[in-house]
Amino acid sequence: SVRFYAHESCGKCTPCREGISGWMVKMYEKL
């Protein structure tokens, strides 16, 4: 689910661009 949202984010704002597409995806990949 998180990977889907990271892929679909438009990247306009920092919480989405960095928080989901960056950190959140990496944390879930780790787990």
Full PDB file with SEQRES, HELIX, SHEET, SSBOND, CRYST1, ORIGX, SCALE, CONECT and MASTER records, all heavy atoms in Angstrom:
SEQRES   1 A   31  SER VAL ARG PHE TYR ALA HIS GLU SER CYS GLY LYS CYS          
SEQRES   2 A   31  THR PRO CYS ARG GLU GLY ILE SER GLY TRP MET VAL LYS          
SEQRES   3 A   31  MET TYR GLU LYS LEU                                          
HELIX    1 AA1 VAL A    2  GLU A    8  1                                   7    
HELIX    2 AA2 THR A   14  THR A   14  1                                   1    
HELIX    3 AA3 PRO A   15  MET A   24  3                                  10    
HELIX    4 AA4 VAL A   25  LYS A   30  1                                   6    
CRYST1    1.000    1.000    1.000  90.00  90.00  90.00 P 1           1          
ORIGX1      1.000000  0.000000  0.000000        0.00000                         
ORIGX2      0.000000  1.000000  0.000000        0.00000                         
ORIGX3      0.000000  0.000000  1.000000        0.00000                         
SCALE1      1.000000  0.000000  0.000000        0.00000                         
SCALE2      0.000000  1.000000  0.000000        0.00000                         
SCALE3      0.000000  0.000000  1.000000        0.00000                         
ATOM      1  N   SER A   1       0.823  -1.208   0.000  1.00  0.00           N  
ATOM      2  CA  SER A   1       0.000   0.000   0.000  1.00  0.00           C  
ATOM      3  C   SER A   1       0.856   1.258   0.000  1.00  0.00           C  
ATOM      4  O   SER A   1       0.624   2.201  -0.770  1.00  0.00           O  
ATOM      5  CB  SER A   1      -0.923  -0.015   1.221  1.00  0.00           C  
ATOM      6  OG  SER A   1      -1.630   1.190   1.344  1.00  0.00           O  
ATOM      7  N   VAL A   2       1.883   1.272   0.851  1.00  0.00           N  
ATOM      8  CA  VAL A   2       2.762   2.438   0.947  1.00  0.00           C  
ATOM      9  C   VAL A   2       3.509   2.667  -0.371  1.00  0.00           C  
ATOM     10  O   VAL A   2       3.669   3.805  -0.832  1.00  0.00           O  
ATOM     11  CB  VAL A   2       3.742   2.262   2.121  1.00  0.00           C  
ATOM     12  CG1 VAL A   2       4.827   3.338   2.090  1.00  0.00           C  
ATOM     13  CG2 VAL A   2       2.997   2.311   3.449  1.00  0.00           C  
ATOM     14  N   ARG A   3       3.956   1.584  -1.003  1.00  0.00           N  
ATOM     15  CA  ARG A   3       4.643   1.721  -2.297  1.00  0.00           C  
ATOM     16  C   ARG A   3       3.715   2.314  -3.353  1.00  0.00           C  
ATOM     17  O   ARG A   3       4.142   3.102  -4.195  1.00  0.00           O  
ATOM     18  CB  ARG A   3       5.169   0.367  -2.756  1.00  0.00           C  
ATOM     19  CG  ARG A   3       6.456  -0.044  -2.077  1.00  0.00           C  
ATOM     20  CD  ARG A   3       7.051  -1.287  -2.697  1.00  0.00           C  
ATOM     21  NE  ARG A   3       6.203  -2.453  -2.478  1.00  0.00           N  
ATOM     22  CZ  ARG A   3       6.488  -3.672  -2.916  1.00  0.00           C  
ATOM     23  NH1 ARG A   3       7.582  -3.873  -3.632  1.00  0.00           N  
ATOM     24  NH2 ARG A   3       5.687  -4.690  -2.662  1.00  0.00           N  
ATOM     25  N   PHE A   4       2.453   1.913  -3.294  1.00  0.00           N  
ATOM     26  CA  PHE A   4       1.487   2.483  -4.241  1.00  0.00           C  
ATOM     27  C   PHE A   4       1.388   3.996  -4.056  1.00  0.00           C  
ATOM     28  O   PHE A   4       1.455   4.765  -5.030  1.00  0.00           O  
ATOM     29  CB  PHE A   4       0.117   1.830  -4.058  1.00  0.00           C  
ATOM     30  CG  PHE A   4      -0.994   2.526  -4.796  1.00  0.00           C  
ATOM     31  CD1 PHE A   4      -1.182   2.306  -6.161  1.00  0.00           C  
ATOM     32  CD2 PHE A   4      -1.844   3.410  -4.154  1.00  0.00           C  
ATOM     33  CE1 PHE A   4      -2.193   2.952  -6.854  1.00  0.00           C  
ATOM     34  CE2 PHE A   4      -2.857   4.062  -4.833  1.00  0.00           C  
ATOM     35  CZ  PHE A   4      -3.032   3.829  -6.188  1.00  0.00           C  
ATOM     36  N   TYR A   5       1.218   4.444  -2.820  1.00  0.00           N  
ATOM     37  CA  TYR A   5       1.080   5.880  -2.576  1.00  0.00           C  
ATOM     38  C   TYR A   5       2.360   6.639  -2.920  1.00  0.00           C  
ATOM     39  O   TYR A   5       2.301   7.773  -3.411  1.00  0.00           O  
ATOM     40  CB  TYR A   5       0.664   6.131  -1.125  1.00  0.00           C  
ATOM     41  CG  TYR A   5      -0.802   5.884  -0.900  1.00  0.00           C  
ATOM     42  CD1 TYR A   5      -1.246   4.735  -0.273  1.00  0.00           C  
ATOM     43  CD2 TYR A   5      -1.760   6.790  -1.348  1.00  0.00           C  
ATOM     44  CE1 TYR A   5      -2.596   4.494  -0.084  1.00  0.00           C  
ATOM     45  CE2 TYR A   5      -3.106   6.566  -1.179  1.00  0.00           C  
ATOM     46  CZ  TYR A   5      -3.522   5.413  -0.544  1.00  0.00           C  
ATOM     47  OH  TYR A   5      -4.871   5.179  -0.377  1.00  0.00           O  
ATOM     48  N   ALA A   6       3.495   6.025  -2.665  1.00  0.00           N  
ATOM     49  CA  ALA A   6       4.761   6.671  -3.030  1.00  0.00           C  
ATOM     50  C   ALA A   6       4.849   6.850  -4.541  1.00  0.00           C  
ATOM     51  O   ALA A   6       5.299   7.898  -5.032  1.00  0.00           O  
ATOM     52  CB  ALA A   6       5.938   5.842  -2.527  1.00  0.00           C  
ATOM     53  N   HIS A   7       4.405   5.839  -5.284  1.00  0.00           N  
ATOM     54  CA  HIS A   7       4.446   5.914  -6.743  1.00  0.00           C  
ATOM     55  C   HIS A   7       3.470   6.952  -7.277  1.00  0.00           C  
ATOM     56  O   HIS A   7       3.751   7.642  -8.265  1.00  0.00           O  
ATOM     57  CB  HIS A   7       4.118   4.540  -7.332  1.00  0.00           C  
ATOM     58  CG  HIS A   7       4.162   4.494  -8.829  1.00  0.00           C  
ATOM     59  ND1 HIS A   7       3.048   4.753  -9.619  1.00  0.00           N  
ATOM     60  CD2 HIS A   7       5.178   4.241  -9.685  1.00  0.00           C  
ATOM     61  CE1 HIS A   7       3.387   4.637 -10.892  1.00  0.00           C  
ATOM     62  NE2 HIS A   7       4.666   4.328 -10.965  1.00  0.00           N  
ATOM     63  N   GLU A   8       2.323   7.093  -6.624  1.00  0.00           N  
ATOM     64  CA  GLU A   8       1.270   7.973  -7.126  1.00  0.00           C  
ATOM     65  C   GLU A   8       1.354   9.402  -6.596  1.00  0.00           C  
ATOM     66  O   GLU A   8       0.609  10.263  -7.046  1.00  0.00           O  
ATOM     67  CB  GLU A   8      -0.106   7.386  -6.782  1.00  0.00           C  
ATOM     68  CG  GLU A   8      -0.386   6.041  -7.433  1.00  0.00           C  
ATOM     69  CD  GLU A   8      -0.391   6.110  -8.946  1.00  0.00           C  
ATOM     70  OE1 GLU A   8      -0.866   7.115  -9.511  1.00  0.00           O  
ATOM     71  OE2 GLU A   8       0.121   5.163  -9.583  1.00  0.00           O  
ATOM     72  N   SER A   9       2.216   9.647  -5.647  1.00  0.00           N  
ATOM     73  CA  SER A   9       2.361  11.010  -5.122  1.00  0.00           C  
ATOM     74  C   SER A   9       2.825  11.966  -6.219  1.00  0.00           C  
ATOM     75  O   SER A   9       3.701  11.629  -7.020  1.00  0.00           O  
ATOM     76  CB  SER A   9       3.370  11.024  -3.974  1.00  0.00           C  
ATOM     77  OG  SER A   9       3.684  12.356  -3.603  1.00  0.00           O  
ATOM     78  N   CYS A  10       2.252  13.151  -6.248  1.00  0.00           N  
ATOM     79  CA  CYS A  10       2.657  14.136  -7.254  1.00  0.00           C  
ATOM     80  C   CYS A  10       3.959  14.812  -6.880  1.00  0.00           C  
ATOM     81  O   CYS A  10       4.588  15.477  -7.704  1.00  0.00           O  
ATOM     82  CB  CYS A  10       1.561  15.176  -7.453  1.00  0.00           C  
ATOM     83  SG  CYS A  10       1.378  16.353  -6.094  1.00  0.00           S  
ATOM     84  N   GLY A  11       4.380  14.678  -5.612  1.00  0.00           N  
ATOM     85  CA  GLY A  11       5.649  15.243  -5.184  1.00  0.00           C  
ATOM     86  C   GLY A  11       5.615  16.728  -4.897  1.00  0.00           C  
ATOM     87  O   GLY A  11       6.662  17.357  -4.720  1.00  0.00           O  
ATOM     88  N   LYS A  12       4.412  17.298  -4.813  1.00  0.00           N  
ATOM     89  CA  LYS A  12       4.316  18.754  -4.629  1.00  0.00           C  
ATOM     90  C   LYS A  12       4.757  19.183  -3.231  1.00  0.00           C  
ATOM     91  O   LYS A  12       5.402  20.220  -3.082  1.00  0.00           O  
ATOM     92  CB  LYS A  12       2.884  19.219  -4.902  1.00  0.00           C  
ATOM     93  CG  LYS A  12       2.686  20.721  -4.729  1.00  0.00           C  
ATOM     94  CD  LYS A  12       1.326  21.179  -5.217  1.00  0.00           C  
ATOM     95  CE  LYS A  12       1.167  22.686  -5.099  1.00  0.00           C  
ATOM     96  NZ  LYS A  12      -0.067  23.187  -5.731  1.00  0.00           N  
ATOM     97  N   CYS A  13       4.401  18.404  -2.209  1.00  0.00           N  
ATOM     98  CA  CYS A  13       4.680  18.855  -0.843  1.00  0.00           C  
ATOM     99  C   CYS A  13       5.669  17.918  -0.149  1.00  0.00           C  
ATOM    100  O   CYS A  13       5.759  16.726  -0.455  1.00  0.00           O  
ATOM    101  CB  CYS A  13       3.392  18.980  -0.035  1.00  0.00           C  
ATOM    102  SG  CYS A  13       2.507  17.435   0.220  1.00  0.00           S  
ATOM    103  N   THR A  14       6.376  18.435   0.815  1.00  0.00           N  
ATOM    104  CA  THR A  14       7.441  17.704   1.491  1.00  0.00           C  
ATOM    105  C   THR A  14       6.947  16.480   2.263  1.00  0.00           C  
ATOM    106  O   THR A  14       7.578  15.423   2.184  1.00  0.00           O  
ATOM    107  CB  THR A  14       8.220  18.649   2.429  1.00  0.00           C  
ATOM    108  OG1 THR A  14       8.747  19.734   1.669  1.00  0.00           O  
ATOM    109  CG2 THR A  14       9.362  17.918   3.126  1.00  0.00           C  
ATOM    110  N   PRO A  15       5.855  16.562   3.042  1.00  0.00           N  
ATOM    111  CA  PRO A  15       5.436  15.369   3.796  1.00  0.00           C  
ATOM    112  C   PRO A  15       5.213  14.148   2.912  1.00  0.00           C  
ATOM    113  O   PRO A  15       5.562  13.031   3.294  1.00  0.00           O  
ATOM    114  CB  PRO A  15       4.129  15.832   4.462  1.00  0.00           C  
ATOM    115  CG  PRO A  15       4.262  17.306   4.573  1.00  0.00           C  
ATOM    116  CD  PRO A  15       5.002  17.728   3.343  1.00  0.00           C  
ATOM    117  N   CYS A  16       4.648  14.367   1.730  1.00  0.00           N  
ATOM    118  CA  CYS A  16       4.397  13.266   0.814  1.00  0.00           C  
ATOM    119  C   CYS A  16       5.676  12.868   0.082  1.00  0.00           C  
ATOM    120  O   CYS A  16       6.030  11.683   0.013  1.00  0.00           O  
ATOM    121  CB  CYS A  16       3.328  13.689  -0.199  1.00  0.00           C  
ATOM    122  SG  CYS A  16       2.128  12.414  -0.568  1.00  0.00           S  
ATOM    123  N   ARG A  17       6.358  13.839  -0.470  1.00  0.00           N  
ATOM    124  CA  ARG A  17       7.527  13.569  -1.311  1.00  0.00           C  
ATOM    125  C   ARG A  17       8.644  12.909  -0.509  1.00  0.00           C  
ATOM    126  O   ARG A  17       9.247  11.926  -0.944  1.00  0.00           O  
ATOM    127  CB  ARG A  17       8.023  14.874  -1.931  1.00  0.00           C  
ATOM    128  CG  ARG A  17       9.205  14.699  -2.883  1.00  0.00           C  
ATOM    129  CD  ARG A  17       9.660  16.041  -3.439  1.00  0.00           C  
ATOM    130  NE  ARG A  17      10.160  16.942  -2.418  1.00  0.00           N  
ATOM    131  CZ  ARG A  17       9.523  18.039  -2.010  1.00  0.00           C  
ATOM    132  NH1 ARG A  17       8.362  18.383  -2.546  1.00  0.00           N  
ATOM    133  NH2 ARG A  17      10.044  18.814  -1.074  1.00  0.00           N  
ATOM    134  N   GLU A  18       8.939  13.438   0.664  1.00  0.00           N  
ATOM    135  CA  GLU A  18      10.045  12.906   1.473  1.00  0.00           C  
ATOM    136  C   GLU A  18       9.565  11.870   2.483  1.00  0.00           C  
ATOM    137  O   GLU A  18      10.228  10.863   2.716  1.00  0.00           O  
ATOM    138  CB  GLU A  18      10.753  14.060   2.216  1.00  0.00           C  
ATOM    139  CG  GLU A  18      11.238  15.177   1.315  1.00  0.00           C  
ATOM    140  CD  GLU A  18      12.298  14.729   0.325  1.00  0.00           C  
ATOM    141  OE1 GLU A  18      12.991  13.728   0.610  1.00  0.00           O  
ATOM    142  OE2 GLU A  18      12.427  15.359  -0.734  1.00  0.00           O  
ATOM    143  N   GLY A  19       8.396  12.129   3.072  1.00  0.00           N  
ATOM    144  CA  GLY A  19       7.918  11.249   4.135  1.00  0.00           C  
ATOM    145  C   GLY A  19       7.468   9.894   3.633  1.00  0.00           C  
ATOM    146  O   GLY A  19       7.843   8.851   4.193  1.00  0.00           O  
ATOM    147  N   ILE A  20       6.645   9.884   2.557  1.00  0.00           N  
ATOM    148  CA  ILE A  20       6.138   8.612   2.037  1.00  0.00           C  
ATOM    149  C   ILE A  20       7.106   8.026   1.025  1.00  0.00           C  
ATOM    150  O   ILE A  20       7.583   6.897   1.181  1.00  0.00           O  
ATOM    151  CB  ILE A  20       4.748   8.797   1.404  1.00  0.00           C  
ATOM    152  CG1 ILE A  20       3.734   9.240   2.460  1.00  0.00           C  
ATOM    153  CG2 ILE A  20       4.274   7.499   0.751  1.00  0.00           C  
ATOM    154  CD1 ILE A  20       2.360   9.552   1.911  1.00  0.00           C  
ATOM    155  N   SER A  21       7.399   8.795  -0.023  1.00  0.00           N  
ATOM    156  CA  SER A  21       8.235   8.264  -1.103  1.00  0.00           C  
ATOM    157  C   SER A  21       9.647   7.953  -0.634  1.00  0.00           C  
ATOM    158  O   SER A  21      10.319   7.094  -1.213  1.00  0.00           O  
ATOM    159  CB  SER A  21       8.285   9.268  -2.262  1.00  0.00           C  
ATOM    160  OG  SER A  21       6.986   9.524  -2.748  1.00  0.00           O  
ATOM    161  N   GLY A  22      10.087   8.630   0.416  1.00  0.00           N  
ATOM    162  CA  GLY A  22      11.424   8.389   0.927  1.00  0.00           C  
ATOM    163  C   GLY A  22      11.428   7.477   2.139  1.00  0.00           C  
ATOM    164  O   GLY A  22      11.602   6.263   2.038  1.00  0.00           O  
ATOM    165  N   TRP A  23      11.181   8.066   3.307  1.00  0.00           N  
ATOM    166  CA  TRP A  23      11.371   7.355   4.559  1.00  0.00           C  
ATOM    167  C   TRP A  23      10.390   6.208   4.776  1.00  0.00           C  
ATOM    168  O   TRP A  23      10.789   5.117   5.206  1.00  0.00           O  
ATOM    169  CB  TRP A  23      11.287   8.343   5.716  1.00  0.00           C  
ATOM    170  CG  TRP A  23      12.533   9.153   5.856  1.00  0.00           C  
ATOM    171  CD1 TRP A  23      12.763  10.402   5.355  1.00  0.00           C  
ATOM    172  CD2 TRP A  23      13.736   8.753   6.493  1.00  0.00           C  
ATOM    173  NE1 TRP A  23      14.033  10.821   5.643  1.00  0.00           N  
ATOM    174  CE2 TRP A  23      14.660   9.821   6.355  1.00  0.00           C  
ATOM    175  CE3 TRP A  23      14.132   7.601   7.166  1.00  0.00           C  
ATOM    176  CZ2 TRP A  23      15.937   9.766   6.870  1.00  0.00           C  
ATOM    177  CZ3 TRP A  23      15.407   7.547   7.690  1.00  0.00           C  
ATOM    178  CH2 TRP A  23      16.300   8.614   7.542  1.00  0.00           C  
ATOM    179  N   MET A  24       9.124   6.421   4.520  1.00  0.00           N  
ATOM    180  CA  MET A  24       8.139   5.386   4.841  1.00  0.00           C  
ATOM    181  C   MET A  24       8.367   4.123   4.018  1.00  0.00           C  
ATOM    182  O   MET A  24       8.308   2.998   4.529  1.00  0.00           O  
ATOM    183  CB  MET A  24       6.732   5.933   4.617  1.00  0.00           C  
ATOM    184  CG  MET A  24       5.622   5.061   5.186  1.00  0.00           C  
ATOM    185  SD  MET A  24       5.592   4.984   7.003  1.00  0.00           S  
ATOM    186  CE  MET A  24       4.908   6.588   7.427  1.00  0.00           C  
ATOM    187  N   VAL A  25       8.626   4.284   2.729  1.00  0.00           N  
ATOM    188  CA  VAL A  25       8.885   3.128   1.871  1.00  0.00           C  
ATOM    189  C   VAL A  25      10.128   2.384   2.344  1.00  0.00           C  
ATOM    190  O   VAL A  25      10.153   1.138   2.398  1.00  0.00           O  
ATOM    191  CB  VAL A  25       9.043   3.566   0.400  1.00  0.00           C  
ATOM    192  CG1 VAL A  25       9.576   2.417  -0.449  1.00  0.00           C  
ATOM    193  CG2 VAL A  25       7.715   4.036  -0.154  1.00  0.00           C  
ATOM    194  N   LYS A  26      11.167   3.115   2.713  1.00  0.00           N  
ATOM    195  CA  LYS A  26      12.413   2.472   3.152  1.00  0.00           C  
ATOM    196  C   LYS A  26      12.217   1.698   4.451  1.00  0.00           C  
ATOM    197  O   LYS A  26      12.763   0.595   4.621  1.00  0.00           O  
ATOM    198  CB  LYS A  26      13.502   3.528   3.328  1.00  0.00           C  
ATOM    199  CG  LYS A  26      13.985   4.140   2.029  1.00  0.00           C  
ATOM    200  CD  LYS A  26      15.028   5.219   2.273  1.00  0.00           C  
ATOM    201  CE  LYS A  26      15.487   5.847   0.955  1.00  0.00           C  
ATOM    202  NZ  LYS A  26      16.456   6.941   1.176  1.00  0.00           N  
ATOM    203  N   MET A  27      11.423   2.245   5.355  1.00  0.00           N  
ATOM    204  CA  MET A  27      11.188   1.550   6.618  1.00  0.00           C  
ATOM    205  C   MET A  27      10.394   0.267   6.397  1.00  0.00           C  
ATOM    206  O   MET A  27      10.697  -0.775   7.012  1.00  0.00           O  
ATOM    207  CB  MET A  27      10.449   2.474   7.589  1.00  0.00           C  
ATOM    208  CG  MET A  27      11.295   3.612   8.124  1.00  0.00           C  
ATOM    209  SD  MET A  27      12.796   3.062   8.968  1.00  0.00           S  
ATOM    210  CE  MET A  27      12.113   2.049  10.276  1.00  0.00           C  
ATOM    211  N   TYR A  28       9.399   0.328   5.534  1.00  0.00           N  
ATOM    212  CA  TYR A  28       8.614  -0.880   5.275  1.00  0.00           C  
ATOM    213  C   TYR A  28       9.419  -1.907   4.484  1.00  0.00           C  
ATOM    214  O   TYR A  28       9.248  -3.123   4.670  1.00  0.00           O  
ATOM    215  CB  TYR A  28       7.313  -0.536   4.553  1.00  0.00           C  
ATOM    216  CG  TYR A  28       6.177  -0.295   5.519  1.00  0.00           C  
ATOM    217  CD1 TYR A  28       5.826   0.995   5.904  1.00  0.00           C  
ATOM    218  CD2 TYR A  28       5.474  -1.360   6.068  1.00  0.00           C  
ATOM    219  CE1 TYR A  28       4.806   1.219   6.813  1.00  0.00           C  
ATOM    220  CE2 TYR A  28       4.449  -1.151   6.979  1.00  0.00           C  
ATOM    221  CZ  TYR A  28       4.121   0.140   7.354  1.00  0.00           C  
ATOM    222  OH  TYR A  28       3.114   0.350   8.253  1.00  0.00           O  
ATOM    223  N   GLU A  29      10.292  -1.442   3.612  1.00  0.00           N  
ATOM    224  CA  GLU A  29      11.145  -2.386   2.903  1.00  0.00           C  
ATOM    225  C   GLU A  29      12.067  -3.102   3.891  1.00  0.00           C  
ATOM    226  O   GLU A  29      12.288  -4.325   3.787  1.00  0.00           O  
ATOM    227  CB  GLU A  29      11.976  -1.664   1.843  1.00  0.00           C  
ATOM    228  CG  GLU A  29      12.856  -2.604   1.044  1.00  0.00           C  
ATOM    229  CD  GLU A  29      13.584  -1.915  -0.095  1.00  0.00           C  
ATOM    230  OE1 GLU A  29      13.542  -0.675  -0.170  1.00  0.00           O  
ATOM    231  OE2 GLU A  29      14.202  -2.635  -0.903  1.00  0.00           O  
ATOM    232  N   LYS A  30      12.563  -2.369   4.851  1.00  0.00           N  
ATOM    233  CA  LYS A  30      13.439  -2.950   5.868  1.00  0.00           C  
ATOM    234  C   LYS A  30      12.704  -4.030   6.663  1.00  0.00           C  
ATOM    235  O   LYS A  30      13.201  -5.150   6.837  1.00  0.00           O  
ATOM    236  CB  LYS A  30      13.927  -1.833   6.796  1.00  0.00           C  
ATOM    237  CG  LYS A  30      14.868  -2.286   7.906  1.00  0.00           C  
ATOM    238  CD  LYS A  30      15.223  -1.092   8.794  1.00  0.00           C  
ATOM    239  CE  LYS A  30      16.131  -1.539   9.946  1.00  0.00           C  
ATOM    240  NZ  LYS A  30      16.401  -0.405  10.880  1.00  0.00           N  
ATOM    241  N   LEU A  31      11.493  -3.706   7.115  1.00  0.00           N  
ATOM    242  CA  LEU A  31      10.701  -4.682   7.866  1.00  0.00           C  
ATOM    243  C   LEU A  31      10.236  -5.831   6.981  1.00  0.00           C  
ATOM    244  O   LEU A  31      10.280  -6.998   7.371  1.00  0.00           O  
ATOM    245  CB  LEU A  31       9.483  -3.998   8.496  1.00  0.00           C  
ATOM    246  CG  LEU A  31       9.741  -3.037   9.655  1.00  0.00           C  
ATOM    247  CD1 LEU A  31       8.457  -2.302  10.018  1.00  0.00           C  
ATOM    248  CD2 LEU A  31      10.281  -3.778  10.871  1.00  0.00           C  
TER     249      LEU A  31                                                      
MASTER        0    0    0    4    0    0    0    6  248    1    0    3          
END                                                                             
